[in-house]
Structure formats: structure tokens, C-alpha cells
Protein backbone atom coordinates (compact mmCIF):
# COMPACT_ATOMS: atom_id res chain seq x y z
CA MET A 1 5.02 -0.50 -28.17
CA GLU A 2 1.39 -1.41 -28.78
CA TYR A 3 -0.72 -2.97 -26.06
CA SER A 4 -4.02 -4.60 -26.93
CA ILE A 5 -6.43 -6.68 -24.92
CA SER A 6 -10.19 -7.03 -24.95
CA GLY A 7 -12.07 -6.76 -21.68
CA GLY A 8 -15.57 -7.19 -20.36
CA GLU A 9 -17.80 -4.59 -18.80
CA GLN A 10 -16.42 -3.16 -15.59
CA PRO A 11 -18.66 -3.32 -12.50
CA THR A 12 -19.69 -0.07 -10.83
CA LYS A 13 -16.91 1.13 -8.56
CA ILE A 14 -17.53 1.59 -4.87
CA PRO A 15 -15.68 4.34 -2.99
CA THR A 16 -13.20 2.83 -0.57
CA SER A 17 -11.68 4.41 2.51
CA ALA A 18 -9.41 3.28 5.32
CA VAL A 19 -9.01 3.83 9.04
CA ILE A 20 -5.44 3.33 10.25
CA ILE A 21 -4.98 3.07 14.00
CA ALA A 22 -1.84 4.84 15.24
CA SER A 23 -2.94 5.92 18.70
CA GLU A 24 -1.22 3.48 21.03
CA ALA A 25 1.74 4.32 23.28
CA PRO A 26 5.08 2.65 22.39
CA GLY A 27 4.96 -0.16 24.95
CA SER A 28 7.83 -2.67 24.88
CA LEU A 29 9.25 -1.32 21.61
CA GLN A 30 10.04 2.06 23.25
CA THR A 31 9.51 3.83 19.91
CA HIS A 32 6.14 5.10 18.73
CA LYS A 33 5.05 2.53 16.15
CA PRO A 34 4.15 4.90 13.28
CA PHE A 35 7.77 6.11 13.27
CA ILE A 36 9.53 2.76 13.47
CA GLU A 37 11.51 2.18 10.27
CA ALA A 38 11.88 -0.78 7.93
CA ASN A 39 13.80 -0.42 4.65
CA GLY A 40 14.26 3.26 5.49
CA ARG A 41 10.47 3.68 5.58
CA ARG A 42 8.30 4.44 8.57
CA LEU A 43 5.55 1.94 9.29
CA LEU A 44 2.82 4.54 8.84
CA SER A 45 4.25 5.43 5.43
CA ILE A 46 4.22 1.76 4.39
CA ALA A 47 0.58 1.42 5.43
CA VAL A 48 -0.55 4.60 3.67
CA ASP A 49 1.39 3.83 0.47
CA SER A 50 -0.22 0.39 0.24
CA MET A 51 -3.67 1.92 0.56
CA LEU A 52 -2.94 4.60 -2.03
CA GLY A 53 -1.59 1.98 -4.42
CA ALA A 54 -4.91 0.12 -4.10
CA GLY A 55 -6.98 3.16 -4.99
CA VAL A 56 -8.24 3.93 -1.48
CA SER A 57 -9.77 7.38 -1.76
CA ASP A 58 -9.82 8.62 1.84
CA ILE A 59 -7.40 7.57 4.57
CA ILE A 60 -7.97 8.52 8.20
CA VAL A 61 -5.13 8.06 10.69
CA VAL A 62 -6.34 7.97 14.28
CA THR A 63 -3.70 9.42 16.58
CA GLY A 64 -3.35 9.52 20.36
CA PHE A 65 0.12 9.22 21.80
CA ASN A 66 2.39 11.90 20.28
CA ALA A 67 -0.67 13.17 18.40
CA LYS A 68 0.73 16.45 17.07
CA GLU A 69 3.75 14.92 15.35
CA THR A 70 1.84 11.86 14.14
CA SER A 71 -0.99 13.98 12.71
CA SER A 72 1.46 16.23 10.88
CA TYR A 73 3.27 13.23 9.42
CA ALA A 74 0.00 11.57 8.37
CA ARG A 75 -1.03 14.71 6.49
CA SER A 76 2.35 14.82 4.74
CA LEU A 77 1.61 11.32 3.40
CA GLY A 78 -1.73 12.35 1.91
CA ALA A 79 -3.91 11.09 4.78
CA ARG A 80 -6.16 12.94 7.22
CA ALA A 81 -5.86 12.71 10.99
CA VAL A 82 -8.23 12.63 13.95
CA GLU A 83 -7.14 12.46 17.58
CA ASN A 84 -8.33 10.10 20.29
CA LEU A 85 -7.87 12.33 23.31
CA ASN A 86 -8.61 9.42 25.65
CA TYR A 87 -6.36 6.82 23.98
CA GLU A 88 -4.82 5.80 27.32
CA TYR A 89 -8.19 4.76 28.73
CA THR A 90 -10.03 3.38 25.71
CA GLU A 91 -9.87 0.29 23.51
CA PRO A 92 -8.76 0.09 19.84
CA ILE A 93 -12.38 -0.14 18.69
CA ASP A 94 -12.99 3.30 20.22
CA SER A 95 -10.26 4.71 17.97
CA ILE A 96 -11.88 2.90 15.03
CA LYS A 97 -15.21 4.57 15.84
CA LEU A 98 -13.56 8.00 15.84
CA GLY A 99 -12.01 7.27 12.46
CA LEU A 100 -15.31 6.13 10.98
CA GLU A 101 -17.00 9.36 12.05
CA ALA A 102 -14.56 11.27 9.85
CA LEU A 103 -14.70 9.12 6.72
CA GLU A 104 -15.85 10.69 3.44
CA PRO A 105 -17.46 9.48 1.29
CA LYS A 106 -19.35 6.74 3.09
CA GLY A 107 -18.52 3.52 1.28
CA ALA A 108 -16.52 0.35 1.87
CA PHE A 109 -13.63 0.76 4.31
CA PHE A 110 -10.55 -1.04 5.56
CA VAL A 111 -9.51 -1.10 9.20
CA VAL A 112 -5.80 -1.61 9.83
CA SER A 113 -3.30 -1.05 12.60
CA CYS A 114 -0.12 0.78 11.65
CA ASP A 115 1.92 -2.02 13.25
CA THR A 116 0.58 -4.46 10.61
CA PRO A 117 1.38 -2.46 7.45
CA LEU A 118 2.89 -5.06 5.10
CA VAL A 119 -0.13 -6.23 3.09
CA SER A 120 0.41 -5.34 -0.57
CA SER A 121 -1.67 -3.02 -2.72
CA ALA A 122 -2.49 -6.00 -4.94
CA THR A 123 -3.98 -7.95 -2.02
CA LEU A 124 -5.92 -4.88 -0.88
CA MET A 125 -7.33 -4.47 -4.38
CA ASP A 126 -8.30 -8.16 -4.42
CA LEU A 127 -10.10 -7.68 -1.10
CA LYS A 128 -12.04 -4.76 -2.59
CA ASP A 129 -13.03 -6.96 -5.53
CA THR A 130 -14.02 -9.81 -3.22
CA LEU A 131 -16.35 -7.59 -1.21
CA GLN A 132 -17.79 -5.94 -4.30
CA GLY A 133 -18.51 -9.29 -5.93
CA THR A 134 -20.72 -10.59 -3.09
CA ASP A 135 -23.49 -9.54 -0.72
CA ALA A 136 -21.12 -9.97 2.22
CA GLN A 137 -20.80 -7.33 4.92
CA ALA A 138 -17.05 -7.88 5.16
CA ALA A 139 -14.22 -9.60 3.33
CA ILE A 140 -11.43 -11.20 5.32
CA PRO A 141 -8.06 -12.40 4.02
CA SER A 142 -7.12 -15.95 5.00
CA TYR A 143 -3.65 -17.46 5.01
CA GLU A 144 -3.31 -21.22 5.43
CA GLY A 145 -6.84 -21.43 6.79
CA LYS A 146 -6.47 -18.67 9.39
CA ALA A 147 -8.09 -15.24 9.27
CA SER A 148 -5.56 -12.51 8.61
CA GLN A 149 -5.45 -8.72 8.34
CA PRO A 150 -6.84 -6.32 7.24
CA PRO A 151 -10.61 -6.73 6.93
CA ILE A 152 -12.67 -4.61 4.59
CA PHE A 153 -16.27 -3.75 5.47
CA SER A 154 -19.29 -2.68 3.44
CA ALA A 155 -20.77 0.77 4.02
CA GLU A 156 -23.58 -0.61 6.20
CA CYS A 157 -21.01 -1.69 8.81
CA ASP A 158 -20.07 1.93 9.53
CA GLU A 159 -23.13 2.45 11.70
CA GLY A 160 -22.93 -1.11 13.01
CA ILE A 161 -19.40 -0.66 14.37
CA GLN A 162 -20.12 2.77 15.81
CA SER A 163 -23.09 1.40 17.76
CA PHE A 164 -21.39 -1.88 18.75
CA ALA A 165 -21.31 -2.30 22.54
CA GLY A 166 -19.61 -5.69 22.87
CA THR A 167 -16.46 -6.14 24.92
CA GLY A 168 -14.57 -8.29 22.39
CA GLY A 169 -13.54 -5.51 20.03
CA LEU A 170 -13.56 -5.67 16.26
CA SER A 171 -13.14 -9.44 16.14
CA GLU A 172 -16.36 -9.91 18.11
CA TYR A 173 -18.15 -7.51 15.80
CA ILE A 174 -17.00 -9.50 12.76
CA GLU A 175 -18.31 -12.70 14.36
CA SER A 176 -21.72 -11.03 14.73
CA LEU A 177 -22.09 -10.36 10.99
CA TYR A 178 -24.54 -12.53 9.08
CA MET A 179 -22.31 -12.87 6.01
CA THR A 180 -18.58 -12.52 5.45
CA ALA A 181 -16.47 -13.44 2.42
CA THR A 182 -13.02 -14.97 2.57
CA LEU A 183 -10.10 -14.28 0.25
CA GLN A 184 -7.41 -16.95 0.25
CA VAL A 185 -3.99 -15.28 0.08
CA ALA A 186 -0.56 -16.80 -0.46
CA ASP A 187 1.29 -14.24 1.62
CA PRO A 188 1.66 -14.16 5.44
CA ALA A 189 2.04 -10.35 5.51
CA GLY A 190 -1.23 -9.86 7.39
CA PHE A 191 0.10 -11.86 10.34
CA ILE A 192 3.37 -9.94 10.71
CA ALA A 193 3.04 -7.21 13.31
CA ALA A 194 5.46 -4.94 15.14
CA ASP A 195 3.78 -5.75 18.44
CA SER A 196 6.92 -7.02 20.20
CA PRO A 197 10.69 -6.94 19.65
CA GLN A 198 10.45 -10.35 17.98
CA GLY A 199 7.56 -9.20 15.82
CA LEU A 200 9.49 -6.13 14.73
CA GLU A 201 12.46 -8.28 13.76
CA SER A 202 10.19 -10.48 11.63
CA LEU A 203 8.62 -7.41 10.05
CA ARG A 204 12.01 -5.99 9.07
CA GLU A 205 13.13 -9.33 7.65
CA TYR A 206 9.98 -9.48 5.54
CA ALA A 207 10.52 -5.90 4.37
CA PHE A 208 14.07 -6.65 3.21
CA ALA A 209 12.84 -9.64 1.23
CA ASN A 210 9.63 -8.17 -0.23
CA LEU A 211 9.32 -4.38 -0.12
CA GLY A 212 10.74 -1.35 -1.85
CA ILE A 213 12.89 1.17 -0.04
CA SER A 214 12.42 4.83 0.77
CA ARG A 215 13.21 7.39 -1.87
CA GLY A 216 15.98 8.79 0.32
CA GLU A 217 17.56 5.38 0.74
CA ALA A 218 17.45 4.72 -3.01
CA LEU A 219 19.17 8.03 -3.71
CA ARG A 220 21.77 7.29 -1.03
CA ILE A 221 22.59 3.97 -2.70
CA ALA A 222 22.81 5.70 -6.09
CA GLN A 223 25.23 8.27 -4.72
CA ILE A 224 27.53 5.83 -2.94
CA SER A 225 27.56 3.72 -6.10
CA GLY A 226 29.17 6.61 -7.96
CA ALA A 227 26.19 7.82 -9.99
CA SER A 228 26.75 11.30 -11.44
CA ASP A 229 24.38 14.18 -10.75
CA GLU A 230 23.27 13.93 -14.38
CA THR A 231 22.43 10.23 -14.04
CA ILE A 232 20.53 10.79 -10.81
CA SER A 233 18.59 13.66 -12.39
CA HIS A 234 17.70 11.42 -15.32
CA MET A 235 16.45 8.63 -13.03
CA GLN A 236 14.37 11.14 -11.09
CA LYS A 237 12.68 12.15 -14.35
CA VAL A 238 11.89 8.49 -14.98
CA GLU A 239 10.50 8.18 -11.45
CA ARG A 240 8.23 11.22 -11.93
CA LYS A 241 7.00 9.94 -15.27
CA SER A 242 6.20 6.53 -13.80
CA ALA A 243 4.36 8.15 -10.88
CA ASP A 244 2.17 10.18 -13.25
CA ILE A 245 1.18 7.04 -15.15
CA ALA A 246 0.67 5.10 -11.91
CA VAL A 247 -2.05 7.57 -10.87
CA ARG A 248 -3.96 6.79 -14.06
CA LEU A 249 -3.54 3.05 -13.59
CA ILE A 250 -4.72 3.09 -9.98
CA ALA A 251 -7.79 5.06 -11.06
CA GLU A 252 -8.60 2.11 -13.34
CA ASP A 253 -8.28 -0.37 -10.43
CA VAL A 254 -4.80 -1.56 -11.41
CA PRO A 255 -2.80 -1.96 -8.18
CA ILE A 256 0.67 -0.41 -8.11
CA ASP A 257 3.37 -0.86 -5.49
CA ILE A 258 4.26 2.83 -5.39
CA CYS A 259 7.42 2.48 -3.34
CA MET A 260 8.85 -0.46 -5.29
CA LEU A 261 8.20 1.39 -8.53
CA SER A 262 10.13 4.38 -7.19
CA SER A 263 13.02 2.16 -6.07
CA MET A 264 13.25 0.52 -9.48
CA CYS A 265 13.26 3.83 -11.35
CA LEU A 266 15.85 5.46 -9.07
CA LEU A 267 18.37 2.61 -9.28
CA TYR A 268 17.95 1.06 -12.73
CA ASN A 269 20.48 3.23 -14.56
CA ILE A 270 23.60 3.00 -12.39
CA ALA A 271 26.37 0.52 -12.80
CA ASP A 272 25.53 -2.51 -10.68
CA GLY A 273 22.51 -0.71 -9.20
CA ALA A 274 20.69 -3.95 -8.59
CA GLN A 275 23.76 -5.45 -6.93
CA ALA A 276 24.18 -2.35 -4.78
CA ALA A 277 20.62 -2.81 -3.52
CA LYS A 278 21.34 -6.45 -2.77
CA ASP A 279 24.58 -5.58 -0.97
CA ALA A 280 22.60 -3.18 1.22
CA GLY A 281 20.28 -6.04 2.16
CA TYR A 282 17.35 -5.10 -0.08
CA SER A 283 16.93 -8.37 -1.95
CA ALA A 284 13.43 -7.51 -3.21
CA VAL A 285 14.67 -4.34 -4.92
CA HIS A 286 17.58 -6.29 -6.42
CA LYS A 287 15.19 -8.81 -7.95
CA ALA A 288 12.70 -6.18 -9.12
CA ILE A 289 15.29 -4.17 -11.03
CA GLY A 290 16.22 -7.33 -12.89
CA THR A 291 12.63 -7.70 -14.14
CA ILE A 292 12.39 -4.29 -15.84
CA GLY A 293 11.41 -4.85 -19.45
CA THR A 294 9.54 -8.08 -18.72
CA ASN A 295 5.89 -8.67 -17.88
CA ALA A 296 6.77 -10.01 -14.41
CA SER A 297 4.76 -7.30 -12.67
CA ASN A 298 2.81 -4.11 -13.27
CA GLU A 299 5.74 -2.21 -11.83
CA ALA A 300 8.27 -3.85 -14.19
CA MET A 301 6.20 -2.94 -17.24
CA LEU A 302 5.49 0.57 -16.00
CA ALA A 303 9.14 1.30 -15.17
CA ASN A 304 10.13 0.12 -18.64
CA LEU A 305 7.55 2.36 -20.29
CA ALA A 306 8.65 5.39 -18.24
CA ILE A 307 12.28 4.78 -19.24
CA LYS A 308 11.33 4.63 -22.92
CA LEU A 309 9.22 7.78 -22.71
CA VAL A 310 11.93 9.80 -20.97
CA ASN A 311 14.54 8.50 -23.45
CA GLY A 312 12.28 9.31 -26.41
CA GLN A 313 12.21 5.65 -27.47
CA ALA A 314 8.46 4.98 -27.36
CA ASP A 315 6.58 4.21 -30.56
CA GLY A 316 4.02 6.85 -31.44
CA GLY A 317 2.95 9.89 -29.42
CA GLU A 318 3.45 9.91 -25.66
CA GLN A 319 -0.19 10.38 -24.65
CA GLU A 320 -1.45 7.73 -27.04
CA THR A 321 1.23 5.31 -25.82
CA ILE A 322 0.26 5.91 -22.20
CA LYS A 323 -3.44 5.58 -22.98
CA SER A 324 -2.83 2.29 -24.75
CA PHE A 325 -0.71 1.01 -21.86
CA VAL A 326 -3.34 1.91 -19.24
CA LYS A 327 -6.02 0.23 -21.32
CA PHE A 328 -3.84 -2.87 -21.65
CA LEU A 329 -3.17 -3.30 -17.93
CA SER A 330 -6.74 -2.44 -17.01
CA GLY A 331 -8.08 -5.01 -19.43
CA LYS A 332 -5.58 -7.58 -18.21
CA ARG A 333 -6.80 -7.15 -14.64
CA LYS A 334 -10.45 -7.50 -15.64
CA LYS A 335 -9.65 -10.86 -17.17
CA GLN A 336 -7.94 -12.20 -14.03
């Protein structure tokens, strides 16, 4: 399949990093927040995957409670970890400062708590674009007129936050900035936090309706649906192919929902795979599988291409087909 689209000149990219706060003790939830699960995925994994899918180049997870296990898990996800040894006696902004000290390279950066991990890669990429397109020191998402999470800051705010001595935390620091930009979003994800039993219930409900599932959960559904070892092996090849192409797309500032893409590829080829996902409560995965082969999303088009490449059904050579596809989606984003 040929993809063609003309695009304008791309602005100079700015390196983007993230500080994810995962230092707090469990509190009323009784389970350490980074390890709480939704859709078979731990909250820290959801947060890191969203950042990776938005092209964030360096992710620092600040640990405290249960630091050894949390640090090891963060590294397994592709992030780095620093420990707040005094997490019991300090404020969240102190953990943020520790994270900022470790960031490389020094560029724009997100600050996010691991209990608010639901914001999509597409929204994160839009926030990057919003900041890059202005002289603002920070870009803030806004839902229905209210500031949401997570903020992204320009490089100059690194030193500003580290030297900030106010008592009102990061929100007070943001109020002190001379210029901030606002991105209107249509999704309440930035307000949904696992900060209470009720908040966790809302987060899990949102995950069922909007997010992909863990790789292990997708394979479990495939197995209980009667998929043969051969079929599962084939779908894993499709998943790997799609992941390889996703890396190239993300490098061109095309956001990819990594987990949803994996879910689609691992369940597309079994009898009633979409229905099996729905029966398990994963309505978003059910809907996404049904869009494969359409232009409904980047993930739908990418999954379809990976299937064709693995099945030997693509027109032309594989590398040229992939190159054309990446150019198409990259150009499409530039025109948005």
C-alpha cells in the first residue's frame, strides 16, 4: 500500500524528559501505588509506557517507600531511578527536585505522579507541541476550564524549581511563572487519581473503557479462547513487527499507544478475539481490534501494516513500505 502526503518544515525538536513521583507510602490504599494494577498493568508501567509512546527520552522515577523493589521495576520498564531517603519527612516537591538533578539531557520535562498515570501519549505529545510553539515556561492541560495533569516545563524551570522555597508545592511554583500556555483537552484522564479507594475504582473503570491490557493478560485471553501455539506465535511476530515500526514513528513525533498496539496485535487473529476481550471487561480493546484496517487511529493503521508484512501481503519491499508509512503518518501529524 502506498502512503503519500506532503508536509511542511518540521520545527527543531527539543529533548523531553519526565520525572515520575513514586515515593509515597501506601496510605489508605494499603498497596504501594506503583504496583497497583488496572487492566493487568501496574500504574507505574502505565505512566512509563505513555511517556515512551510520546517520545520522552529520559524518564526518572523517584522512589522512597519500598525503594529497592520500585527502583528495580522502574529500570525493567526502561526508566532510571533515584531514591528519596527522607520521603517520610519531605514534601512531593522535594522528590521532584531530586528527580530534576538526575535528568539528562537538560530540556523540557514533565512532572507526574504515578497515581495519575492515565493521560495518553497523544495528549503528552500535544503538550510538547504546545510548549514548543510558544515562549511559555510551562504548558498545562485543561479539561472543562480546569487545570489538569501533567504539566510540562521548559528547561529554564529546572533551576527555578530546584531553588523554589515556597510552601505551596509545585502548584505555587506554577502560579509564580510569568507565562504559561494552556492546552484544552477533551479527556478527563488527568483528573483521575488513585489517591483513595474511590479514586482507584474510577481509575480502573476508566482503564477498562479506554486502555490496552498487559501483554500477559492478552496472551491469557488468547489461550483460554482456544488459540493454538502456532496462532499465538504468529500474533507475537506481528506484535514484534509493529513494535519495531512504532519506534521509528515515535522518533518522528508520531504518538503511539504502545500497550493498545500490543493488545490489538496479540488478539486480532483468534476466533472472536475482540469478543473475548469484551467479555473480560476490556471494552477499549474490543473496539480497537474492530478498527484494524481502517484509519481510525495510528495504532489501527500500524497493526494492519504489521499483519500484512508478517503475512507477506505488503506491496513492494518491506523497508520501502515501512519508510513510506512512517513518512505518511509523520506528514499527517504535521498537518494537524
